[in-house]
Amino acid sequence: YREGGWMGLAAPAEFGGQGLPYAVHTAVSEYMISANMALMMYPGLTQGAIAAIVTHGTDEQKATWLPGLIEGGWTGTMNLTEPHCGTDLGLLRTKAVPNGDGTYRISGQKIFISAGEHDMSDNIVHLVLARVEGAPEGVKGISLFIVPKFKLDAAGNPGERNTLSCGSIEEKMGIHGNSTCVMNYDEAEGTLLGELNGGLKA
C-alpha cells in the first residue's frame, strides 16, 4: 500500500501526493475496504489526519507532518472519546497546559482509539482533543492538538519517545485486526492545530 503510493492519491502534490480528485480515492478505498476493513482503518484514519492538517494547519505544520503521512511512513489517529464521555464531547477532561514556547503538555485518557498503537509505521501522529485551562465550558472550549508518538529531531525525523502510551486493547465484537486502544497521555508534548477553542471545527 505504501510502496504503491495509495495513501497520497488525493493528497496535495506539493507534499508528495498525486493530487487526484477525492472521488478517485473514495472509489479505490471502497474496493480495499471490502477486502480488509481492519487493515484499511489504518490508512483511513491517516487520511483524516491529512485532511485536518491540510485544512487547519500552519505552513510549518503542513511542511512538518504532511510528507510523512502522505508517503505512508507515518500513520494518524483521532483521539476524542474518554471513559466518561462518548457522544457528549463537551464533558471531556483531557487538559492542555501551555509550555510558553508554542507547545503544550497534554494529559488525560482516551478510549476506543483505532490504530492507537502499532509497529507498522515509523511514527503515529495523534490528533487529540483537549481543553486549555480557562477555556469556556462545553464544546466551545475544546482545542485540537498534534501529539506524535515520537517527537521529531532537528532533521524532522522521529526521535525521542513522547510521554504517551497504550494502556490496553479494547475488547470488541469484530474488527479484531485493528488495534483499538486505551491511550494514556502523561504531559505529552503537542502543538495546537487550528484555532484555540476551535477543535470541533478542525
C-alpha atoms as a PDB file:
ATOM      1  CA  TYR A   1       0.000   0.000   0.000  1.00  0.00           C
ATOM      2  CA  ARG A   2       2.776   2.382   0.967  1.00  0.00           C
ATOM      3  CA  GLU A   3       5.073   1.426  -1.905  1.00  0.00           C
ATOM      4  CA  GLY A   4       2.228   1.822  -4.395  1.00  0.00           C
ATOM      5  CA  GLY A   5       1.593   5.401  -3.301  1.00  0.00           C
ATOM      6  CA  TRP A   6      -2.045   4.684  -2.484  1.00  0.00           C
ATOM      7  CA  MET A   7      -2.042   6.932   0.581  1.00  0.00           C
ATOM      8  CA  GLY A   8      -1.393  10.023  -1.492  1.00  0.00           C
ATOM      9  CA  LEU A   9      -3.929   9.573  -4.289  1.00  0.00           C
ATOM     10  CA  ALA A  10      -5.911  12.715  -3.468  1.00  0.00           C
ATOM     11  CA  ALA A  11      -3.295  14.460  -1.312  1.00  0.00           C
ATOM     12  CA  PRO A  12      -1.652  17.741  -2.402  1.00  0.00           C
ATOM     13  CA  ALA A  13       1.150  17.225  -4.916  1.00  0.00           C
ATOM     14  CA  GLU A  14       3.337  19.826  -3.172  1.00  0.00           C
ATOM     15  CA  PHE A  15       3.666  17.457  -0.200  1.00  0.00           C
ATOM     16  CA  GLY A  16       4.194  14.270  -2.194  1.00  0.00           C
ATOM     17  CA  GLY A  17       0.625  13.365  -3.120  1.00  0.00           C
ATOM     18  CA  GLN A  18      -0.819  12.760  -6.577  1.00  0.00           C
ATOM     19  CA  GLY A  19      -3.459  15.495  -6.388  1.00  0.00           C
ATOM     20  CA  LEU A  20      -6.227  13.386  -7.942  1.00  0.00           C
ATOM     21  CA  PRO A  21      -9.925  14.080  -7.273  1.00  0.00           C
ATOM     22  CA  TYR A  22     -11.115  12.734  -3.925  1.00  0.00           C
ATOM     23  CA  ALA A  23     -13.717  10.692  -5.799  1.00  0.00           C
ATOM     24  CA  VAL A  24     -10.876   8.566  -7.187  1.00  0.00           C
ATOM     25  CA  HIS A  25      -9.554   7.933  -3.683  1.00  0.00           C
ATOM     26  CA  THR A  26     -13.063   7.031  -2.488  1.00  0.00           C
ATOM     27  CA  ALA A  27     -13.609   4.519  -5.281  1.00  0.00           C
ATOM     28  CA  VAL A  28     -10.243   2.830  -4.699  1.00  0.00           C
ATOM     29  CA  SER A  29     -10.808   2.743  -0.932  1.00  0.00           C
ATOM     30  CA  GLU A  30     -14.183   1.055  -1.379  1.00  0.00           C
ATOM     31  CA  TYR A  31     -12.509  -1.876  -3.128  1.00  0.00           C
ATOM     32  CA  MET A  32      -9.805  -2.183  -0.499  1.00  0.00           C
ATOM     33  CA  ILE A  33     -12.127  -1.794   2.487  1.00  0.00           C
ATOM     34  CA  SER A  34     -14.369  -4.553   1.146  1.00  0.00           C
ATOM     35  CA  ALA A  35     -11.320  -6.843   1.137  1.00  0.00           C
ATOM     36  CA  ASN A  36      -9.966  -5.985   4.609  1.00  0.00           C
ATOM     37  CA  MET A  37     -11.812  -3.492   6.786  1.00  0.00           C
ATOM     38  CA  ALA A  38      -9.481  -3.876   9.782  1.00  0.00           C
ATOM     39  CA  LEU A  39      -6.345  -3.134   7.774  1.00  0.00           C
ATOM     40  CA  MET A  40      -7.860  -0.226   5.883  1.00  0.00           C
ATOM     41  CA  MET A  41      -8.771   1.577   9.096  1.00  0.00           C
ATOM     42  CA  TYR A  42      -5.080   2.479   9.460  1.00  0.00           C
ATOM     43  CA  PRO A  43      -4.842   4.466   6.204  1.00  0.00           C
ATOM     44  CA  GLY A  44      -8.422   5.667   6.666  1.00  0.00           C
ATOM     45  CA  LEU A  45      -7.579   7.397   9.932  1.00  0.00           C
ATOM     46  CA  THR A  46      -4.388   8.716   8.383  1.00  0.00           C
ATOM     47  CA  GLN A  47      -6.473  10.299   5.628  1.00  0.00           C
ATOM     48  CA  GLY A  48      -8.456  12.083   8.334  1.00  0.00           C
ATOM     49  CA  ALA A  49      -5.263  13.435   9.880  1.00  0.00           C
ATOM     50  CA  ILE A  50      -4.024  14.577   6.475  1.00  0.00           C
ATOM     51  CA  ALA A  51      -7.296  16.385   5.758  1.00  0.00           C
ATOM     52  CA  ALA A  52      -7.281  18.142   9.142  1.00  0.00           C
ATOM     53  CA  ILE A  53      -3.706  19.360   8.743  1.00  0.00           C
ATOM     54  CA  VAL A  54      -4.244  20.443   5.122  1.00  0.00           C
ATOM     55  CA  THR A  55      -7.319  22.445   6.142  1.00  0.00           C
ATOM     56  CA  HIS A  56      -6.298  23.862   9.522  1.00  0.00           C
ATOM     57  CA  GLY A  57      -2.507  23.542   9.798  1.00  0.00           C
ATOM     58  CA  THR A  58       0.017  26.342   9.576  1.00  0.00           C
ATOM     59  CA  ASP A  59       2.556  26.308   6.754  1.00  0.00           C
ATOM     60  CA  GLU A  60       5.116  24.943   9.202  1.00  0.00           C
ATOM     61  CA  GLN A  61       2.795  22.160  10.382  1.00  0.00           C
ATOM     62  CA  LYS A  62       1.996  21.179   6.811  1.00  0.00           C
ATOM     63  CA  ALA A  63       5.679  21.003   5.901  1.00  0.00           C
ATOM     64  CA  THR A  64       6.457  19.063   9.084  1.00  0.00           C
ATOM     65  CA  TRP A  65       3.711  16.431   9.123  1.00  0.00           C
ATOM     66  CA  LEU A  66       2.181  16.016   5.674  1.00  0.00           C
ATOM     67  CA  PRO A  67       5.105  14.461   3.747  1.00  0.00           C
ATOM     68  CA  GLY A  68       5.464  11.572   6.215  1.00  0.00           C
ATOM     69  CA  LEU A  69       1.719  10.941   6.390  1.00  0.00           C
ATOM     70  CA  ILE A  70       1.170  11.175   2.635  1.00  0.00           C
ATOM     71  CA  GLU A  71       4.157   8.948   1.828  1.00  0.00           C
ATOM     72  CA  GLY A  72       2.746   6.348   4.219  1.00  0.00           C
ATOM     73  CA  GLY A  73       5.726   6.112   6.535  1.00  0.00           C
ATOM     74  CA  TRP A  74       3.680   7.670   9.327  1.00  0.00           C
ATOM     75  CA  THR A  75       0.078   6.983  10.295  1.00  0.00           C
ATOM     76  CA  GLY A  76      -2.531   9.136  12.019  1.00  0.00           C
ATOM     77  CA  THR A  77      -5.339   8.798  14.547  1.00  0.00           C
ATOM     78  CA  MET A  78      -8.155  10.820  16.060  1.00  0.00           C
ATOM     79  CA  ASN A  79      -8.496  10.861  19.874  1.00  0.00           C
ATOM     80  CA  LEU A  80     -11.939  12.018  21.004  1.00  0.00           C
ATOM     81  CA  THR A  81     -13.743   9.586  23.322  1.00  0.00           C
ATOM     82  CA  GLU A  82     -12.974   9.408  27.054  1.00  0.00           C
ATOM     83  CA  PRO A  83     -14.158   6.910  29.704  1.00  0.00           C
ATOM     84  CA  HIS A  84     -16.896   9.239  30.957  1.00  0.00           C
ATOM     85  CA  CYS A  85     -17.975  10.777  27.647  1.00  0.00           C
ATOM     86  CA  GLY A  86     -18.616   9.371  24.213  1.00  0.00           C
ATOM     87  CA  THR A  87     -21.292  11.288  22.376  1.00  0.00           C
ATOM     88  CA  ASP A  88     -21.066  14.390  24.600  1.00  0.00           C
ATOM     89  CA  LEU A  89     -17.570  15.711  23.944  1.00  0.00           C
ATOM     90  CA  GLY A  90     -18.351  18.821  25.952  1.00  0.00           C
ATOM     91  CA  LEU A  91     -17.593  16.759  29.064  1.00  0.00           C
ATOM     92  CA  LEU A  92     -14.033  15.828  28.098  1.00  0.00           C
ATOM     93  CA  ARG A  93     -11.357  16.227  30.768  1.00  0.00           C
ATOM     94  CA  THR A  94      -8.097  15.850  28.867  1.00  0.00           C
ATOM     95  CA  LYS A  95      -6.147  19.022  29.548  1.00  0.00           C
ATOM     96  CA  ALA A  96      -3.542  21.015  27.669  1.00  0.00           C
ATOM     97  CA  VAL A  97      -1.088  23.241  29.545  1.00  0.00           C
ATOM     98  CA  PRO A  98       0.979  25.805  27.579  1.00  0.00           C
ATOM     99  CA  ASN A  99       4.754  25.430  27.843  1.00  0.00           C
ATOM    100  CA  GLY A 100       5.388  29.011  26.792  1.00  0.00           C
ATOM    101  CA  ASP A 101       7.220  28.041  23.602  1.00  0.00           C
ATOM    102  CA  GLY A 102       4.231  27.273  21.413  1.00  0.00           C
ATOM    103  CA  THR A 103       3.918  23.685  22.609  1.00  0.00           C
ATOM    104  CA  TYR A 104       1.529  22.199  25.167  1.00  0.00           C
ATOM    105  CA  ARG A 105       1.619  19.420  27.751  1.00  0.00           C
ATOM    106  CA  ILE A 106      -1.300  17.047  27.082  1.00  0.00           C
ATOM    107  CA  SER A 107      -2.612  14.898  29.950  1.00  0.00           C
ATOM    108  CA  GLY A 108      -5.605  12.576  30.024  1.00  0.00           C
ATOM    109  CA  GLN A 109      -7.018   9.270  28.847  1.00  0.00           C
ATOM    110  CA  LYS A 110      -8.774   8.411  25.594  1.00  0.00           C
ATOM    111  CA  ILE A 111     -10.629   5.173  24.824  1.00  0.00           C
ATOM    112  CA  PHE A 112     -11.604   3.260  21.681  1.00  0.00           C
ATOM    113  CA  ILE A 113      -8.768   4.828  19.696  1.00  0.00           C
ATOM    114  CA  SER A 114      -8.469   2.856  16.471  1.00  0.00           C
ATOM    115  CA  ALA A 115      -4.871   2.354  15.277  1.00  0.00           C
ATOM    116  CA  GLY A 116      -3.687   3.952  18.515  1.00  0.00           C
ATOM    117  CA  GLU A 117      -0.584   1.782  18.899  1.00  0.00           C
ATOM    118  CA  HIS A 118       1.216  -0.498  16.434  1.00  0.00           C
ATOM    119  CA  ASP A 119       4.583  -1.039  14.779  1.00  0.00           C
ATOM    120  CA  MET A 120       3.533  -0.739  11.128  1.00  0.00           C
ATOM    121  CA  SER A 121       4.824   2.818  10.751  1.00  0.00           C
ATOM    122  CA  ASP A 122       7.798   4.876  11.865  1.00  0.00           C
ATOM    123  CA  ASN A 123       5.597   7.329  13.769  1.00  0.00           C
ATOM    124  CA  ILE A 124       1.956   7.750  14.788  1.00  0.00           C
ATOM    125  CA  VAL A 125       0.574  11.278  14.583  1.00  0.00           C
ATOM    126  CA  HIS A 126      -2.248  11.506  17.117  1.00  0.00           C
ATOM    127  CA  LEU A 127      -4.806  14.293  16.809  1.00  0.00           C
ATOM    128  CA  VAL A 128      -6.083  14.825  20.345  1.00  0.00           C
ATOM    129  CA  LEU A 129      -8.999  16.884  21.634  1.00  0.00           C
ATOM    130  CA  ALA A 130      -8.174  18.632  24.913  1.00  0.00           C
ATOM    131  CA  ARG A 131      -9.131  21.655  26.972  1.00  0.00           C
ATOM    132  CA  VAL A 132      -6.799  24.517  27.872  1.00  0.00           C
ATOM    133  CA  GLU A 133      -7.166  25.957  31.376  1.00  0.00           C
ATOM    134  CA  GLY A 134      -9.630  28.836  31.407  1.00  0.00           C
ATOM    135  CA  ALA A 135     -11.384  27.716  28.231  1.00  0.00           C
ATOM    136  CA  PRO A 136     -15.197  28.022  28.049  1.00  0.00           C
ATOM    137  CA  GLU A 137     -17.205  25.058  29.282  1.00  0.00           C
ATOM    138  CA  GLY A 138     -18.731  22.595  26.851  1.00  0.00           C
ATOM    139  CA  VAL A 139     -17.789  22.125  23.222  1.00  0.00           C
ATOM    140  CA  LYS A 140     -16.838  25.794  22.774  1.00  0.00           C
ATOM    141  CA  GLY A 141     -13.756  25.250  24.933  1.00  0.00           C
ATOM    142  CA  ILE A 142     -12.235  22.285  23.092  1.00  0.00           C
ATOM    143  CA  SER A 143      -8.995  22.541  21.110  1.00  0.00           C
ATOM    144  CA  LEU A 144      -7.251  20.069  18.788  1.00  0.00           C
ATOM    145  CA  PHE A 145      -3.576  19.150  19.165  1.00  0.00           C
ATOM    146  CA  ILE A 146      -0.991  17.261  17.142  1.00  0.00           C
ATOM    147  CA  VAL A 147       0.669  14.820  19.550  1.00  0.00           C
ATOM    148  CA  PRO A 148       3.160  12.426  17.898  1.00  0.00           C
ATOM    149  CA  LYS A 149       4.224   9.079  19.327  1.00  0.00           C
ATOM    150  CA  PHE A 150       7.817  10.133  18.685  1.00  0.00           C
ATOM    151  CA  LYS A 151       8.972  13.735  18.855  1.00  0.00           C
ATOM    152  CA  LEU A 152      10.863  14.918  15.802  1.00  0.00           C
ATOM    153  CA  ASP A 153      14.575  15.669  15.887  1.00  0.00           C
ATOM    154  CA  ALA A 154      16.260  18.670  14.272  1.00  0.00           C
ATOM    155  CA  ALA A 155      16.203  16.904  10.903  1.00  0.00           C
ATOM    156  CA  GLY A 156      12.471  16.228  11.123  1.00  0.00           C
ATOM    157  CA  ASN A 157      12.839  12.506  11.801  1.00  0.00           C
ATOM    158  CA  PRO A 158      11.216  10.527  14.647  1.00  0.00           C
ATOM    159  CA  GLY A 159      13.444  10.693  17.694  1.00  0.00           C
ATOM    160  CA  GLU A 160      12.669  10.737  21.416  1.00  0.00           C
ATOM    161  CA  ARG A 161       9.564   8.847  22.553  1.00  0.00           C
ATOM    162  CA  ASN A 162       6.760  11.158  23.669  1.00  0.00           C
ATOM    163  CA  THR A 163       5.130  10.578  27.073  1.00  0.00           C
ATOM    164  CA  LEU A 164       2.094   8.694  25.811  1.00  0.00           C
ATOM    165  CA  SER A 165       1.280   5.004  25.895  1.00  0.00           C
ATOM    166  CA  CYS A 166      -1.289   2.341  25.130  1.00  0.00           C
ATOM    167  CA  GLY A 167      -2.814   1.219  28.431  1.00  0.00           C
ATOM    168  CA  SER A 168      -4.767  -1.703  26.982  1.00  0.00           C
ATOM    169  CA  ILE A 169      -6.520  -3.047  23.899  1.00  0.00           C
ATOM    170  CA  GLU A 170     -10.311  -2.689  23.821  1.00  0.00           C
ATOM    171  CA  GLU A 171     -12.457  -5.840  23.577  1.00  0.00           C
ATOM    172  CA  LYS A 172     -14.761  -5.678  20.554  1.00  0.00           C
ATOM    173  CA  MET A 173     -17.186  -7.981  18.780  1.00  0.00           C
ATOM    174  CA  GLY A 174     -15.348  -7.584  15.477  1.00  0.00           C
ATOM    175  CA  ILE A 175     -12.576  -5.807  13.545  1.00  0.00           C
ATOM    176  CA  HIS A 176     -10.028  -7.640  15.688  1.00  0.00           C
ATOM    177  CA  GLY A 177      -7.254  -6.914  13.203  1.00  0.00           C
ATOM    178  CA  ASN A 178      -7.279  -3.249  14.196  1.00  0.00           C
ATOM    179  CA  SER A 179      -5.584  -2.119  17.398  1.00  0.00           C
ATOM    180  CA  THR A 180      -8.373  -0.267  19.196  1.00  0.00           C
ATOM    181  CA  CYS A 181      -6.617   1.202  22.214  1.00  0.00           C
ATOM    182  CA  VAL A 182      -6.922   2.937  25.540  1.00  0.00           C
ATOM    183  CA  MET A 183      -4.418   5.779  25.179  1.00  0.00           C
ATOM    184  CA  ASN A 184      -2.796   7.489  28.168  1.00  0.00           C
ATOM    185  CA  TYR A 185      -1.217  10.935  27.818  1.00  0.00           C
ATOM    186  CA  ASP A 186       1.149  11.980  30.621  1.00  0.00           C
ATOM    187  CA  GLU A 187       2.175  15.558  29.843  1.00  0.00           C
ATOM    188  CA  ALA A 188       2.873  14.536  26.251  1.00  0.00           C
ATOM    189  CA  GLU A 189       4.203  17.319  24.053  1.00  0.00           C
ATOM    190  CA  GLY A 190       1.822  18.607  21.394  1.00  0.00           C
ATOM    191  CA  THR A 191       1.089  21.623  19.218  1.00  0.00           C
ATOM    192  CA  LEU A 192      -2.219  23.375  18.598  1.00  0.00           C
ATOM    193  CA  LEU A 193      -3.919  22.548  15.288  1.00  0.00           C
ATOM    194  CA  GLY A 194      -6.311  25.249  14.152  1.00  0.00           C
ATOM    195  CA  GLU A 195      -7.758  27.929  16.398  1.00  0.00           C
ATOM    196  CA  LEU A 196      -7.684  27.826  20.196  1.00  0.00           C
ATOM    197  CA  ASN A 197     -11.071  26.500  21.366  1.00  0.00           C
ATOM    198  CA  GLY A 198     -11.874  25.617  17.758  1.00  0.00           C
ATOM    199  CA  GLY A 199     -11.154  21.905  17.997  1.00  0.00           C
ATOM    200  CA  LEU A 200     -14.517  20.676  16.786  1.00  0.00           C
ATOM    201  CA  LYS A 201     -14.218  22.824  13.665  1.00  0.00           C
ATOM    202  CA  ALA A 202     -10.990  21.026  12.827  1.00  0.00           C
END
